[in-house]
């Protein structure tokens, strides 16, 4: 078992390839864009791959603001370029560190062959992969209920797995390999059905924000006019 070799750059160019003609945004969530970075064709970001990157301390999935390094990129590409089970097997066999070193050397050879190489472009591209892998077709708005969901963990990824495994019959392999966008869609659809959230399309949510800002400006203008009127009366 070996780390997946980078595909020759001349054959597969770095970037993202979207899915063709999705019937709806929710359907498209099951087929996120496919990314190739440094010749490595990435598998969809999944709950399993997200958590492996959290375990490895990869800066791309940190909850805190921090800059990603070349090592973060290489580790992220290794995790997202193979099935979770294979990566865990390296870890269980005690071969992960040596495999990652060899993997890094392969990627450095790939870099040496690429004219005008810019590491910041690759880091930005991987960040896009992470962001695209978490996009939802709507904005989940919390709903105050008498019986809020009973979370067993403070980290959202574990709470999502509890719902998927316990209520929606997802398997371990689906947790590891199905796109995170699909996992989140199923999770929030269940939450909506239980009355815990309201799912609002992005267009309506933005219109609501715009209306709120417009109303705020009207109120500020009226307050300003009232203050001006009071100042004139007092004068």
Foldseek 3Di string as FASTA:
>chain_A
DAQDFAAQCVVPPFDWAADPDDPDQLSSLQPFIWGHFLRQTFAADFLQLLVVLVVVVQPLNDPDDDDGDPLSLLVSSRSRRDFSVVQVVCVVVVNNVVRSVVSVVSSVVSQVPDPPDDVVVRVVRVSVSVVSLADEQFDWAFDDDPDADDAPDPDVSVSLVCCCVVPVVDDPSCRRHGGHSNSVVVSVVVCVVVVGIDTGGPVVVVVVVVVVVVVVVVVVVVVVVVVVVVVVVVD
